[in-house]
PDB file of N, CA and C in Angstrom:
ATOM      1  N   MET A   1     108.839 119.794  87.845  1.00  0.00           N
ATOM      2  CA  MET A   1     108.041 118.892  88.317  1.00  0.00           C
ATOM      3  C   MET A   1     108.351 118.052  89.291  1.00  0.00           C
ATOM      4  N   LYS A   2     108.074 117.730  90.370  1.00  0.00           N
ATOM      5  CA  LYS A   2     107.897 116.527  90.834  1.00  0.00           C
ATOM      6  C   LYS A   2     107.105 115.161  90.637  1.00  0.00           C
ATOM      7  N   SER A   3     107.892 114.259  90.524  1.00  0.00           N
ATOM      8  CA  SER A   3     107.283 113.069  90.327  1.00  0.00           C
ATOM      9  C   SER A   3     107.074 111.839  91.483  1.00  0.00           C
ATOM     10  N   ASN A   4     106.079 111.077  90.842  1.00  0.00           N
ATOM     11  CA  ASN A   4     105.888 110.050  92.682  1.00  0.00           C
ATOM     12  C   ASN A   4     106.665 108.743  92.131  1.00  0.00           C
ATOM     13  N   GLN A   5     107.373 108.629  92.865  1.00  0.00           N
ATOM     14  CA  GLN A   5     108.385 107.638  92.663  1.00  0.00           C
ATOM     15  C   GLN A   5     107.987 106.235  93.551  1.00  0.00           C
ATOM     16  N   THR A   6     108.219 105.061  92.843  1.00  0.00           N
ATOM     17  CA  THR A   6     107.989 103.496  94.065  1.00  0.00           C
ATOM     18  C   THR A   6     108.861 103.863  94.619  1.00  0.00           C
ATOM     19  N   GLU A   7     108.868 102.542  95.499  1.00  0.00           N
ATOM     20  CA  GLU A   7     109.982 102.450  96.786  1.00  0.00           C
ATOM     21  C   GLU A   7     111.201 102.282  95.659  1.00  0.00           C
ATOM     22  N   ASN A   8     111.556 101.277  94.269  1.00  0.00           N
ATOM     23  CA  ASN A   8     112.135 100.761  93.763  1.00  0.00           C
ATOM     24  C   ASN A   8     113.108 102.073  92.811  1.00  0.00           C
ATOM     25  N   ASN A   9     112.750 103.165  93.035  1.00  0.00           N
ATOM     26  CA  ASN A   9     113.152 104.366  92.534  1.00  0.00           C
ATOM     27  C   ASN A   9     112.516 104.922  90.930  1.00  0.00           C
ATOM     28  N   LEU A  10     111.292 103.751  90.667  1.00  0.00           N
ATOM     29  CA  LEU A  10     110.905 104.188  89.313  1.00  0.00           C
ATOM     30  C   LEU A  10     109.423 104.756  89.146  1.00  0.00           C
ATOM     31  N   PRO A  11     109.520 105.648  88.348  1.00  0.00           N
ATOM     32  CA  PRO A  11     108.177 106.520  89.101  1.00  0.00           C
ATOM     33  C   PRO A  11     106.904 106.064  88.942  1.00  0.00           C
ATOM     34  N   GLU A  12     105.972 106.148  89.494  1.00  0.00           N
ATOM     35  CA  GLU A  12     104.736 105.662  89.746  1.00  0.00           C
ATOM     36  C   GLU A  12     104.086 106.119  88.586  1.00  0.00           C
ATOM     37  N   PRO A  13     103.822 104.934  88.128  1.00  0.00           N
ATOM     38  CA  PRO A  13     102.495 105.132  86.459  1.00  0.00           C
ATOM     39  C   PRO A  13     101.073 105.622  86.682  1.00  0.00           C
ATOM     40  N   THR A  14     100.907 106.076  85.685  1.00  0.00           N
ATOM     41  CA  THR A  14      99.669 106.937  85.664  1.00  0.00           C
ATOM     42  C   THR A  14      98.650 105.923  85.877  1.00  0.00           C
ATOM     43  N   LYS A  15      97.246 106.676  85.322  1.00  0.00           N
ATOM     44  CA  LYS A  15      96.160 105.167  85.611  1.00  0.00           C
ATOM     45  C   LYS A  15      95.618 105.263  83.689  1.00  0.00           C
ATOM     46  N   ALA A  16      96.390 105.685  83.032  1.00  0.00           N
ATOM     47  CA  ALA A  16      96.729 105.806  81.597  1.00  0.00           C
ATOM     48  C   ALA A  16      97.752 104.707  81.275  1.00  0.00           C
ATOM     49  N   GLU A  17      98.927 104.495  82.069  1.00  0.00           N
ATOM     50  CA  GLU A  17      99.885 103.686  82.355  1.00  0.00           C
ATOM     51  C   GLU A  17      99.489 102.358  82.502  1.00  0.00           C
ATOM     52  N   LEU A  18      98.619 102.395  83.615  1.00  0.00           N
ATOM     53  CA  LEU A  18      98.471 101.006  84.087  1.00  0.00           C
ATOM     54  C   LEU A  18      97.521 100.158  83.508  1.00  0.00           C
ATOM     55  N   GLU A  19      96.989 100.511  82.345  1.00  0.00           N
ATOM     56  CA  GLU A  19      95.624 100.420  81.431  1.00  0.00           C
ATOM     57  C   GLU A  19      96.798  99.699  80.323  1.00  0.00           C
ATOM     58  N   ILE A  20      98.053 100.071  80.249  1.00  0.00           N
ATOM     59  CA  ILE A  20      99.063  99.774  78.812  1.00  0.00           C
ATOM     60  C   ILE A  20      99.780  98.303  80.063  1.00  0.00           C
ATOM     61  N   LEU A  21      99.903  98.584  80.902  1.00  0.00           N
ATOM     62  CA  LEU A  21     101.091  97.810  82.122  1.00  0.00           C
ATOM     63  C   LEU A  21      99.974  96.231  82.674  1.00  0.00           C
ATOM     64  N   GLN A  22      98.584  96.733  82.164  1.00  0.00           N
ATOM     65  CA  GLN A  22      97.848  95.595  82.848  1.00  0.00           C
ATOM     66  C   GLN A  22      97.602  94.748  81.673  1.00  0.00           C
ATOM     67  N   VAL A  23      97.497  94.890  80.484  1.00  0.00           N
ATOM     68  CA  VAL A  23      97.694  94.356  78.934  1.00  0.00           C
ATOM     69  C   VAL A  23      98.704  93.341  78.656  1.00  0.00           C
ATOM     70  N   LEU A  24     100.518  94.103  79.209  1.00  0.00           N
ATOM     71  CA  LEU A  24     101.592  93.539  79.350  1.00  0.00           C
ATOM     72  C   LEU A  24     101.727  92.496  79.928  1.00  0.00           C
ATOM     73  N   TRP A  25     101.057  92.794  80.641  1.00  0.00           N
ATOM     74  CA  TRP A  25     100.785  92.002  82.563  1.00  0.00           C
ATOM     75  C   TRP A  25     100.410  90.681  82.011  1.00  0.00           C
ATOM     76  N   GLU A  26      99.332  90.746  81.459  1.00  0.00           N
ATOM     77  CA  GLU A  26      98.104  89.649  80.727  1.00  0.00           C
ATOM     78  C   GLU A  26      98.373  89.223  79.849  1.00  0.00           C
ATOM     79  N   PHE A  27      99.090  89.435  78.857  1.00  0.00           N
ATOM     80  CA  PHE A  27      99.646  88.962  77.627  1.00  0.00           C
ATOM     81  C   PHE A  27     100.758  88.910  77.080  1.00  0.00           C
ATOM     82  N   GLY A  28     101.354  89.318  78.063  1.00  0.00           N
ATOM     83  CA  GLY A  28     103.107  89.378  77.916  1.00  0.00           C
ATOM     84  C   GLY A  28     103.734  90.400  76.763  1.00  0.00           C
ATOM     85  N   PRO A  29     104.899  89.868  76.592  1.00  0.00           N
ATOM     86  CA  PRO A  29     105.641  91.336  75.802  1.00  0.00           C
ATOM     87  C   PRO A  29     104.622  90.988  74.340  1.00  0.00           C
ATOM     88  N   SER A  30     104.575  92.795  74.365  1.00  0.00           N
ATOM     89  CA  SER A  30     103.007  93.086  73.167  1.00  0.00           C
ATOM     90  C   SER A  30     104.162  93.979  72.034  1.00  0.00           C
ATOM     91  N   THR A  31     103.363  94.192  70.952  1.00  0.00           N
ATOM     92  CA  THR A  31     103.626  95.536  70.255  1.00  0.00           C
ATOM     93  C   THR A  31     102.511  96.534  70.699  1.00  0.00           C
ATOM     94  N   VAL A  32     102.800  97.898  70.042  1.00  0.00           N
ATOM     95  CA  VAL A  32     102.016  98.818  70.497  1.00  0.00           C
ATOM     96  C   VAL A  32     100.691  98.349  69.866  1.00  0.00           C
ATOM     97  N   ARG A  33     100.458  97.862  68.258  1.00  0.00           N
ATOM     98  CA  ARG A  33      99.340  97.383  68.020  1.00  0.00           C
ATOM     99  C   ARG A  33      98.270  96.998  68.954  1.00  0.00           C
ATOM    100  N   PHE A  34      98.781  95.971  69.634  1.00  0.00           N
ATOM    101  CA  PHE A  34      98.045  95.277  70.163  1.00  0.00           C
ATOM    102  C   PHE A  34      97.653  95.497  71.463  1.00  0.00           C
ATOM    103  N   VAL A  35      98.184  96.148  71.883  1.00  0.00           N
ATOM    104  CA  VAL A  35      98.003  96.801  73.579  1.00  0.00           C
ATOM    105  C   VAL A  35      97.444  97.826  73.299  1.00  0.00           C
ATOM    106  N   ASN A  36      97.288  98.122  71.545  1.00  0.00           N
ATOM    107  CA  ASN A  36      96.031 100.157  71.235  1.00  0.00           C
ATOM    108  C   ASN A  36      94.543  98.764  70.698  1.00  0.00           C
ATOM    109  N   ASP A  37      94.884  97.788  70.501  1.00  0.00           N
ATOM    110  CA  ASP A  37      93.459  96.855  70.785  1.00  0.00           C
ATOM    111  C   ASP A  37      92.719  96.607  71.289  1.00  0.00           C
ATOM    112  N   LYS A  38      93.701  95.935  72.282  1.00  0.00           N
ATOM    113  CA  LYS A  38      92.987  95.545  73.446  1.00  0.00           C
ATOM    114  C   LYS A  38      92.561  96.329  74.326  1.00  0.00           C
ATOM    115  N   LEU A  39      93.225  97.755  74.766  1.00  0.00           N
ATOM    116  CA  LEU A  39      92.603  98.933  75.199  1.00  0.00           C
ATOM    117  C   LEU A  39      91.199  99.145  74.117  1.00  0.00           C
ATOM    118  N   ASN A  40      91.338  99.260  73.258  1.00  0.00           N
ATOM    119  CA  ASN A  40      89.822  99.809  72.249  1.00  0.00           C
ATOM    120  C   ASN A  40      89.025  99.273  72.616  1.00  0.00           C
ATOM    121  N   GLY A  41      89.142  97.517  73.369  1.00  0.00           N
ATOM    122  CA  GLY A  41      88.282  96.959  73.763  1.00  0.00           C
ATOM    123  C   GLY A  41      87.217  97.418  74.993  1.00  0.00           C
ATOM    124  N   GLN A  42      88.025  98.146  75.500  1.00  0.00           N
ATOM    125  CA  GLN A  42      87.097  98.664  77.193  1.00  0.00           C
ATOM    126  C   GLN A  42      87.259  99.947  76.781  1.00  0.00           C
ATOM    127  N   ARG A  43      87.799 100.355  75.668  1.00  0.00           N
ATOM    128  CA  ARG A  43      87.431 102.406  75.135  1.00  0.00           C
ATOM    129  C   ARG A  43      87.739 102.643  74.446  1.00  0.00           C
ATOM    130  N   GLU A  44      87.548 103.544  73.904  1.00  0.00           N
ATOM    131  CA  GLU A  44      88.397 104.287  72.278  1.00  0.00           C
ATOM    132  C   GLU A  44      89.801 105.122  72.570  1.00  0.00           C
ATOM    133  N   VAL A  45      91.075 104.686  72.076  1.00  0.00           N
ATOM    134  CA  VAL A  45      91.639 104.841  72.430  1.00  0.00           C
ATOM    135  C   VAL A  45      92.945 104.902  71.207  1.00  0.00           C
ATOM    136  N   ASN A  46      93.515 106.537  70.530  1.00  0.00           N
ATOM    137  CA  ASN A  46      94.160 106.525  69.187  1.00  0.00           C
ATOM    138  C   ASN A  46      95.445 105.777  69.442  1.00  0.00           C
ATOM    139  N   TYR A  47      95.904 105.226  68.140  1.00  0.00           N
ATOM    140  CA  TYR A  47      96.894 104.216  68.357  1.00  0.00           C
ATOM    141  C   TYR A  47      98.230 105.352  68.730  1.00  0.00           C
ATOM    142  N   THR A  48      98.400 106.371  68.280  1.00  0.00           N
ATOM    143  CA  THR A  48      99.680 107.608  68.815  1.00  0.00           C
ATOM    144  C   THR A  48      99.125 107.883  69.756  1.00  0.00           C
ATOM    145  N   SER A  49      98.460 107.678  70.521  1.00  0.00           N
ATOM    146  CA  SER A  49      98.023 108.028  71.852  1.00  0.00           C
ATOM    147  C   SER A  49      99.021 106.867  72.764  1.00  0.00           C
ATOM    148  N   THR A  50      98.693 105.712  72.470  1.00  0.00           N
ATOM    149  CA  THR A  50      99.272 104.782  72.932  1.00  0.00           C
ATOM    150  C   THR A  50     100.477 104.320  72.671  1.00  0.00           C
ATOM    151  N   LEU A  51     101.312 105.205  71.858  1.00  0.00           N
ATOM    152  CA  LEU A  51     102.470 105.027  71.612  1.00  0.00           C
ATOM    153  C   LEU A  51     103.139 105.766  71.887  1.00  0.00           C
ATOM    154  N   LYS A  52     102.789 106.635  72.543  1.00  0.00           N
ATOM    155  CA  LYS A  52     103.116 107.788  72.783  1.00  0.00           C
ATOM    156  C   LYS A  52     103.740 107.465  74.585  1.00  0.00           C
ATOM    157  N   GLN A  53     102.273 107.423  75.100  1.00  0.00           N
ATOM    158  CA  GLN A  53     102.446 106.112  76.168  1.00  0.00           C
ATOM    159  C   GLN A  53     103.285 105.450  76.406  1.00  0.00           C
ATOM    160  N   MET A  54     103.303 104.294  75.660  1.00  0.00           N
ATOM    161  CA  MET A  54     104.101 103.198  75.649  1.00  0.00           C
ATOM    162  C   MET A  54     106.060 103.827  75.655  1.00  0.00           C
ATOM    163  N   GLN A  55     106.402 104.898  74.604  1.00  0.00           N
ATOM    164  CA  GLN A  55     107.304 105.670  74.770  1.00  0.00           C
ATOM    165  C   GLN A  55     107.507 106.239  76.020  1.00  0.00           C
ATOM    166  N   ILE A  56     107.023 106.905  76.776  1.00  0.00           N
ATOM    167  CA  ILE A  56     107.039 107.387  78.387  1.00  0.00           C
ATOM    168  C   ILE A  56     107.170 106.470  79.184  1.00  0.00           C
ATOM    169  N   LEU A  57     106.535 105.457  79.137  1.00  0.00           N
ATOM    170  CA  LEU A  57     106.672 104.286  79.988  1.00  0.00           C
ATOM    171  C   LEU A  57     107.996 103.670  79.952  1.00  0.00           C
ATOM    172  N   THR A  58     108.995 103.459  78.164  1.00  0.00           N
ATOM    173  CA  THR A  58     109.635 103.252  78.226  1.00  0.00           C
ATOM    174  C   THR A  58     110.939 104.091  78.607  1.00  0.00           C
ATOM    175  N   GLU A  59     111.046 106.044  78.209  1.00  0.00           N
ATOM    176  CA  GLU A  59     111.882 106.792  79.172  1.00  0.00           C
ATOM    177  C   GLU A  59     111.973 106.844  80.312  1.00  0.00           C
ATOM    178  N   LYS A  60     110.399 106.962  81.657  1.00  0.00           N
ATOM    179  CA  LYS A  60     110.468 106.014  82.767  1.00  0.00           C
ATOM    180  C   LYS A  60     111.554 105.012  83.449  1.00  0.00           C
ATOM    181  N   GLY A  61     111.498 104.224  82.344  1.00  0.00           N
ATOM    182  CA  GLY A  61     112.071 102.935  82.991  1.00  0.00           C
ATOM    183  C   GLY A  61     110.765 102.044  83.362  1.00  0.00           C
ATOM    184  N   ILE A  62     109.975 102.177  83.169  1.00  0.00           N
ATOM    185  CA  ILE A  62     109.099 101.235  83.313  1.00  0.00           C
ATOM    186  C   ILE A  62     108.479 100.043  82.722  1.00  0.00           C
ATOM    187  N   LEU A  63     109.189 100.472  81.027  1.00  0.00           N
ATOM    188  CA  LEU A  63     109.075  99.165  79.967  1.00  0.00           C
ATOM    189  C   LEU A  63     110.303  99.082  79.568  1.00  0.00           C
ATOM    190  N   LYS A  64     110.716  98.174  79.300  1.00  0.00           N
ATOM    191  CA  LYS A  64     112.156  98.565  78.069  1.00  0.00           C
ATOM    192  C   LYS A  64     111.499  98.214  77.003  1.00  0.00           C
ATOM    193  N   ARG A  65     111.949  98.395  75.551  1.00  0.00           N
ATOM    194  CA  ARG A  65     111.947  97.873  74.405  1.00  0.00           C
ATOM    195  C   ARG A  65     112.732  97.184  73.469  1.00  0.00           C
ATOM    196  N   ASP A  66     112.207  95.984  73.037  1.00  0.00           N
ATOM    197  CA  ASP A  66     113.507  95.304  71.925  1.00  0.00           C
ATOM    198  C   ASP A  66     112.908  95.824  70.625  1.00  0.00           C
ATOM    199  N   GLU A  67     114.170  96.339  70.278  1.00  0.00           N
ATOM    200  CA  GLU A  67     114.030  96.870  69.012  1.00  0.00           C
ATOM    201  C   GLU A  67     114.513  95.626  68.053  1.00  0.00           C
ATOM    202  N   SER A  68     115.035  94.450  68.274  1.00  0.00           N
ATOM    203  CA  SER A  68     115.797  93.462  67.262  1.00  0.00           C
ATOM    204  C   SER A  68     114.889  93.180  66.261  1.00  0.00           C
ATOM    205  N   GLN A  69     113.654  93.676  66.317  1.00  0.00           N
ATOM    206  CA  GLN A  69     112.838  92.849  65.171  1.00  0.00           C
ATOM    207  C   GLN A  69     112.310  94.308  64.596  1.00  0.00           C
ATOM    208  N   MET A  70     111.330  94.186  63.323  1.00  0.00           N
ATOM    209  CA  MET A  70     111.124  95.214  62.533  1.00  0.00           C
ATOM    210  C   MET A  70     109.814  95.923  63.770  1.00  0.00           C
ATOM    211  N   LYS A  71     109.092  94.687  64.265  1.00  0.00           N
ATOM    212  CA  LYS A  71     107.811  95.722  65.053  1.00  0.00           C
ATOM    213  C   LYS A  71     108.711  95.445  66.526  1.00  0.00           C
ATOM    214  N   HIS A  72     108.937  96.739  66.796  1.00  0.00           N
ATOM    215  CA  HIS A  72     109.113  96.994  68.521  1.00  0.00           C
ATOM    216  C   HIS A  72     108.018  95.922  69.144  1.00  0.00           C
ATOM    217  N   ILE A  73     108.837  95.691  70.403  1.00  0.00           N
ATOM    218  CA  ILE A  73     108.423  94.948  71.450  1.00  0.00           C
ATOM    219  C   ILE A  73     108.352  95.840  73.054  1.00  0.00           C
ATOM    220  N   TYR A  74     107.056  95.224  73.527  1.00  0.00           N
ATOM    221  CA  TYR A  74     107.627  96.064  74.642  1.00  0.00           C
ATOM    222  C   TYR A  74     106.854  95.430  76.214  1.00  0.00           C
ATOM    223  N   ILE A  75     108.180  95.186  76.558  1.00  0.00           N
ATOM    224  CA  ILE A  75     107.773  94.360  78.320  1.00  0.00           C
ATOM    225  C   ILE A  75     108.307  95.276  79.163  1.00  0.00           C
ATOM    226  N   PRO A  76     107.079  94.838  80.604  1.00  0.00           N
ATOM    227  CA  PRO A  76     107.686  95.799  81.390  1.00  0.00           C
ATOM    228  C   PRO A  76     108.517  94.891  82.477  1.00  0.00           C
ATOM    229  N   VAL A  77     109.442  96.466  82.756  1.00  0.00           N
ATOM    230  CA  VAL A  77     110.623  95.962  83.997  1.00  0.00           C
ATOM    231  C   VAL A  77     110.105  95.245  85.260  1.00  0.00           C
ATOM    232  N   GLU A  78     109.180  95.492  85.766  1.00  0.00           N
ATOM    233  CA  GLU A  78     108.596  95.052  86.963  1.00  0.00           C
ATOM    234  C   GLU A  78     107.742  94.297  86.648  1.00  0.00           C
ATOM    235  N   ALA A  79     107.404  92.826  87.535  1.00  0.00           N
ATOM    236  CA  ALA A  79     106.254  91.914  88.241  1.00  0.00           C
ATOM    237  C   ALA A  79     105.305  92.347  87.996  1.00  0.00           C
ATOM    238  N   GLU A  80     104.032  91.911  88.133  1.00  0.00           N
ATOM    239  CA  GLU A  80     102.762  92.540  88.236  1.00  0.00           C
ATOM    240  C   GLU A  80     102.649  92.788  89.284  1.00  0.00           C
ATOM    241  N   GLU A  81     103.082  91.482  90.196  1.00  0.00           N
ATOM    242  CA  GLU A  81     103.095  91.730  91.658  1.00  0.00           C
ATOM    243  C   GLU A  81     103.552  92.452  92.663  1.00  0.00           C
ATOM    244  N   LYS A  82     105.166  92.906  92.247  1.00  0.00           N
ATOM    245  CA  LYS A  82     105.763  93.834  92.934  1.00  0.00           C
ATOM    246  C   LYS A  82     105.501  95.076  92.614  1.00  0.00           C
ATOM    247  N   THR A  83     105.054  95.605  91.277  1.00  0.00           N
ATOM    248  CA  THR A  83     104.238  96.615  91.321  1.00  0.00           C
ATOM    249  C   THR A  83     102.965  97.140  91.995  1.00  0.00           C
ATOM    250  N   LYS A  84     102.357  95.965  92.005  1.00  0.00           N
ATOM    251  CA  LYS A  84     100.999  96.061  93.021  1.00  0.00           C
ATOM    252  C   LYS A  84     101.520  96.532  94.403  1.00  0.00           C
ATOM    253  N   VAL A  85     102.631  95.019  95.062  1.00  0.00           N
ATOM    254  CA  VAL A  85     102.775  95.362  96.059  1.00  0.00           C
ATOM    255  C   VAL A  85     103.065  97.087  96.518  1.00  0.00           C
ATOM    256  N   GLN A  86     103.854  97.706  95.545  1.00  0.00           N
ATOM    257  CA  GLN A  86     104.413  98.769  95.995  1.00  0.00           C
ATOM    258  C   GLN A  86     103.165  99.831  95.608  1.00  0.00           C
ATOM    259  N   LEU A  87     102.395  99.878  95.094  1.00  0.00           N
ATOM    260  CA  LEU A  87     101.550 101.418  94.347  1.00  0.00           C
ATOM    261  C   LEU A  87     100.522 100.557  95.585  1.00  0.00           C
ATOM    262  N   LEU A  88     100.396  99.387  96.276  1.00  0.00           N
ATOM    263  CA  LEU A  88      99.502  99.548  97.314  1.00  0.00           C
ATOM    264  C   LEU A  88      99.975  99.918  98.550  1.00  0.00           C
ATOM    265  N   ASP A  89     101.749 100.099  99.063  1.00  0.00           N
ATOM    266  CA  ASP A  89     101.780 100.103 100.372  1.00  0.00           C
ATOM    267  C   ASP A  89     102.250 101.570 100.319  1.00  0.00           C
ATOM    268  N   ARG A  90     101.894 102.248  99.144  1.00  0.00           N
ATOM    269  CA  ARG A  90     102.034 104.191  98.743  1.00  0.00           C
ATOM    270  C   ARG A  90     100.556 104.281  99.294  1.00  0.00           C
ATOM    271  N   PHE A  91      99.679 103.953  98.691  1.00  0.00           N
ATOM    272  CA  PHE A  91      98.362 103.873  99.148  1.00  0.00           C
ATOM    273  C   PHE A  91      98.269 104.359 100.197  1.00  0.00           C
ATOM    274  N   VAL A  92      98.298 102.726 100.951  1.00  0.00           N
ATOM    275  CA  VAL A  92      98.163 102.732 102.460  1.00  0.00           C
ATOM    276  C   VAL A  92      98.847 103.737 103.317  1.00  0.00           C
ATOM    277  N   ASN A  93     100.049 104.321 103.090  1.00  0.00           N
ATOM    278  CA  ASN A  93     100.769 105.162 104.030  1.00  0.00           C
ATOM    279  C   ASN A  93     100.154 106.949 103.769  1.00  0.00           C
ATOM    280  N   THR A  94      99.608 107.132 102.552  1.00  0.00           N
ATOM    281  CA  THR A  94      99.354 107.980 101.775  1.00  0.00           C
ATOM    282  C   THR A  94      97.914 108.247 102.188  1.00  0.00           C
ATOM    283  N   LEU A  95      96.868 107.142 102.415  1.00  0.00           N
ATOM    284  CA  LEU A  95      95.543 107.724 103.121  1.00  0.00           C
ATOM    285  C   LEU A  95      95.298 107.318 104.025  1.00  0.00           C
ATOM    286  N   TYR A  96      96.120 106.310 104.803  1.00  0.00           N
ATOM    287  CA  TYR A  96      95.675 105.292 105.563  1.00  0.00           C
ATOM    288  C   TYR A  96      96.742 105.015 106.448  1.00  0.00           C
ATOM    289  N   LYS A  97      97.627 105.920 106.855  1.00  0.00           N
ATOM    290  CA  LYS A  97      98.778 106.133 107.446  1.00  0.00           C
ATOM    291  C   LYS A  97      99.622 105.326 107.817  1.00  0.00           C
ATOM    292  N   GLY A  98      99.650 104.660 106.522  1.00  0.00           N
ATOM    293  CA  GLY A  98     100.391 103.013 107.005  1.00  0.00           C
ATOM    294  C   GLY A  98      99.757 102.115 107.841  1.00  0.00           C
ATOM    295  N   SER A  99      98.608 102.579 108.344  1.00  0.00           N
ATOM    296  CA  SER A  99      97.838 100.948 108.892  1.00  0.00           C
ATOM    297  C   SER A  99      96.731 100.356 108.242  1.00  0.00           C
ATOM    298  N   ALA A 100      96.959  98.997 107.997  1.00  0.00           N
ATOM    299  CA  ALA A 100      96.509  98.453 107.143  1.00  0.00           C
ATOM    300  C   ALA A 100      94.960  97.672 107.685  1.00  0.00           C
ATOM    301  N   SER A 101      94.652  98.295 109.318  1.00  0.00           N
ATOM    302  CA  SER A 101      93.905  97.672 109.859  1.00  0.00           C
ATOM    303  C   SER A 101      92.289  99.203 109.905  1.00  0.00           C
ATOM    304  N   GLN A 102      93.158 100.081 109.202  1.00  0.00           N
ATOM    305  CA  GLN A 102      92.118 101.442 108.418  1.00  0.00           C
ATOM    306  C   GLN A 102      91.350 100.717 107.582  1.00  0.00           C
ATOM    307  N   LEU A 103      92.380 100.626 106.585  1.00  0.00           N
ATOM    308  CA  LEU A 103      91.963 100.388 104.657  1.00  0.00           C
ATOM    309  C   LEU A 103      91.480  99.056 105.390  1.00  0.00           C
ATOM    310  N   MET A 104      90.937  97.984 105.884  1.00  0.00           N
ATOM    311  CA  MET A 104      90.590  97.033 106.043  1.00  0.00           C
ATOM    312  C   MET A 104      89.005  97.433 106.414  1.00  0.00           C
ATOM    313  N   MET A 105      89.329  98.409 107.667  1.00  0.00           N
ATOM    314  CA  MET A 105      88.060  98.765 108.287  1.00  0.00           C
ATOM    315  C   MET A 105      87.090  99.273 107.220  1.00  0.00           C
ATOM    316  N   GLN A 106      87.407 100.236 106.028  1.00  0.00           N
ATOM    317  CA  GLN A 106      87.288 100.847 104.824  1.00  0.00           C
ATOM    318  C   GLN A 106      86.659 100.437 103.865  1.00  0.00           C
ATOM    319  N   LEU A 107      87.489  99.059 103.658  1.00  0.00           N
ATOM    320  CA  LEU A 107      86.941  97.868 102.750  1.00  0.00           C
ATOM    321  C   LEU A 107      85.439  97.364 103.565  1.00  0.00           C
ATOM    322  N   LEU A 108      85.641  96.836 104.443  1.00  0.00           N
ATOM    323  CA  LEU A 108      84.636  95.779 105.160  1.00  0.00           C
ATOM    324  C   LEU A 108      83.720  97.116 105.423  1.00  0.00           C
ATOM    325  N   GLY A 109      83.310  98.009 105.138  1.00  0.00           N
ATOM    326  CA  GLY A 109      82.038  98.809 105.886  1.00  0.00           C
ATOM    327  C   GLY A 109      81.670  99.568 104.334  1.00  0.00           C
ATOM    328  N   ASN A 110      82.470  99.000 103.022  1.00  0.00           N
ATOM    329  CA  ASN A 110      82.148  99.243 101.904  1.00  0.00           C
ATOM    330  C   ASN A 110      80.501  98.298 101.752  1.00  0.00           C
ATOM    331  N   GLU A 111      79.336  99.092 101.020  1.00  0.00           N
ATOM    332  CA  GLU A 111      78.544  98.113 100.652  1.00  0.00           C
ATOM    333  C   GLU A 111      78.734  97.392  99.576  1.00  0.00           C
ATOM    334  N   LYS A 112      79.813  97.210  98.906  1.00  0.00           N
ATOM    335  CA  LYS A 112      79.994  96.283  97.946  1.00  0.00           C
ATOM    336  C   LYS A 112      80.906  95.166  97.975  1.00  0.00           C
ATOM    337  N   THR A 113      80.948  94.803  99.109  1.00  0.00           N
ATOM    338  CA  THR A 113      82.073  93.865 100.067  1.00  0.00           C
ATOM    339  C   THR A 113      80.549  93.160  99.839  1.00  0.00           C
ATOM    340  N   SER A 114      81.179  91.417  99.249  1.00  0.00           N
ATOM    341  CA  SER A 114      79.965  90.743  99.252  1.00  0.00           C
ATOM    342  C   SER A 114      80.115  89.565 100.537  1.00  0.00           C
ATOM    343  N   LYS A 115      79.087  88.717 101.077  1.00  0.00           N
ATOM    344  CA  LYS A 115      79.476  87.905 102.484  1.00  0.00           C
ATOM    345  C   LYS A 115      80.385  86.825 101.754  1.00  0.00           C
ATOM    346  N   GLN A 116      80.273  86.197 100.318  1.00  0.00           N
ATOM    347  CA  GLN A 116      81.777  85.655 100.144  1.00  0.00           C
ATOM    348  C   GLN A 116      82.867  86.131  99.957  1.00  0.00           C
ATOM    349  N   GLU A 117      82.681  87.459 100.109  1.00  0.00           N
ATOM    350  CA  GLU A 117      84.349  87.857 100.167  1.00  0.00           C
ATOM    351  C   GLU A 117      84.725  88.258 101.672  1.00  0.00           C
ATOM    352  N   ILE A 118      83.564  88.481 102.164  1.00  0.00           N
ATOM    353  CA  ILE A 118      84.083  88.591 104.272  1.00  0.00           C
ATOM    354  C   ILE A 118      84.376  87.071 104.346  1.00  0.00           C
ATOM    355  N   GLU A 119      84.065  86.347 103.856  1.00  0.00           N
ATOM    356  CA  GLU A 119      84.250  85.192 104.402  1.00  0.00           C
ATOM    357  C   GLU A 119      85.642  84.396 103.647  1.00  0.00           C
ATOM    358  N   GLU A 120      86.368  84.951 102.606  1.00  0.00           N
ATOM    359  CA  GLU A 120      87.367  84.486 101.961  1.00  0.00           C
ATOM    360  C   GLU A 120      88.262  85.627 102.926  1.00  0.00           C
ATOM    361  N   ILE A 121      88.107  86.729 103.114  1.00  0.00           N
ATOM    362  CA  ILE A 121      88.933  87.508 104.276  1.00  0.00           C
ATOM    363  C   ILE A 121      89.025  86.730 105.466  1.00  0.00           C
ATOM    364  N   LYS A 122      87.868  86.146 106.224  1.00  0.00           N
ATOM    365  CA  LYS A 122      87.735  85.721 107.380  1.00  0.00           C
ATOM    366  C   LYS A 122      88.756  84.069 107.414  1.00  0.00           C
ATOM    367  N   ARG A 123      88.612  83.490 106.206  1.00  0.00           N
ATOM    368  CA  ARG A 123      89.729  82.255 105.901  1.00  0.00           C
ATOM    369  C   ARG A 123      90.941  82.629 106.242  1.00  0.00           C
ATOM    370  N   LEU A 124      91.057  83.896 105.369  1.00  0.00           N
ATOM    371  CA  LEU A 124      92.920  84.105 105.424  1.00  0.00           C
ATOM    372  C   LEU A 124      93.406  84.843 106.780  1.00  0.00           C
ATOM    373  N   LEU A 125      92.680  85.116 107.179  1.00  0.00           N
ATOM    374  CA  LEU A 125      92.733  85.728 108.740  1.00  0.00           C
ATOM    375  C   LEU A 125      92.927  84.881 109.464  1.00  0.00           C
ATOM    376  N   ASP A 126      93.019  83.509 109.150  1.00  0.00           N
ATOM    377  CA  ASP A 126      92.431  82.223 110.458  1.00  0.00           C
ATOM    378  C   ASP A 126      93.626  81.792 109.688  1.00  0.00           C
ATOM    379  N   SER A 127      94.052  81.690 108.828  1.00  0.00           N
ATOM    380  CA  SER A 127      95.093  80.818 108.124  1.00  0.00           C
ATOM    381  C   SER A 127      96.668  81.602 108.658  1.00  0.00           C
ATOM    382  N   MET A 128      96.716  83.070 108.736  1.00  0.00           N
ATOM    383  CA  MET A 128      97.895  83.568 109.196  1.00  0.00           C
ATOM    384  C   MET A 128      97.745  83.535 110.981  1.00  0.00           C
ATOM    385  N   ASP A 129      96.887  82.724 112.016  1.00  0.00           N
ATOM    386  CA  ASP A 129      97.350  82.661 113.058  1.00  0.00           C
ATOM    387  C   ASP A 129      98.497  81.599 113.603  1.00  0.00           C
TER     388      ASP A 129
END
């Protein structure tokens, strides 16, 4: 089975794996118990499922594990921003044939885009001139 790879040759994380990464990026290096408790604040997740996912993330090279203490601490290998840039690039390339303008048109045509968000986008575009 072929896995999706990000540009730095790390496998692309699944949705469940991204949820774990979000906890680690927000709170820093953590134990499985801590991550599982945070995930359970959003939806019910079994401890063993979180443990298995974090072990898989470690095998994939997305997380590293500090085994120097009794409780293992998991740490993301890549920074949040770098991972998001890689995933966004892949998304734009796959769904919009690399066209950022097509993506923006889709986003701006979305009824969920607020006037405040549109104003922020305008300011960003103006600052790029």
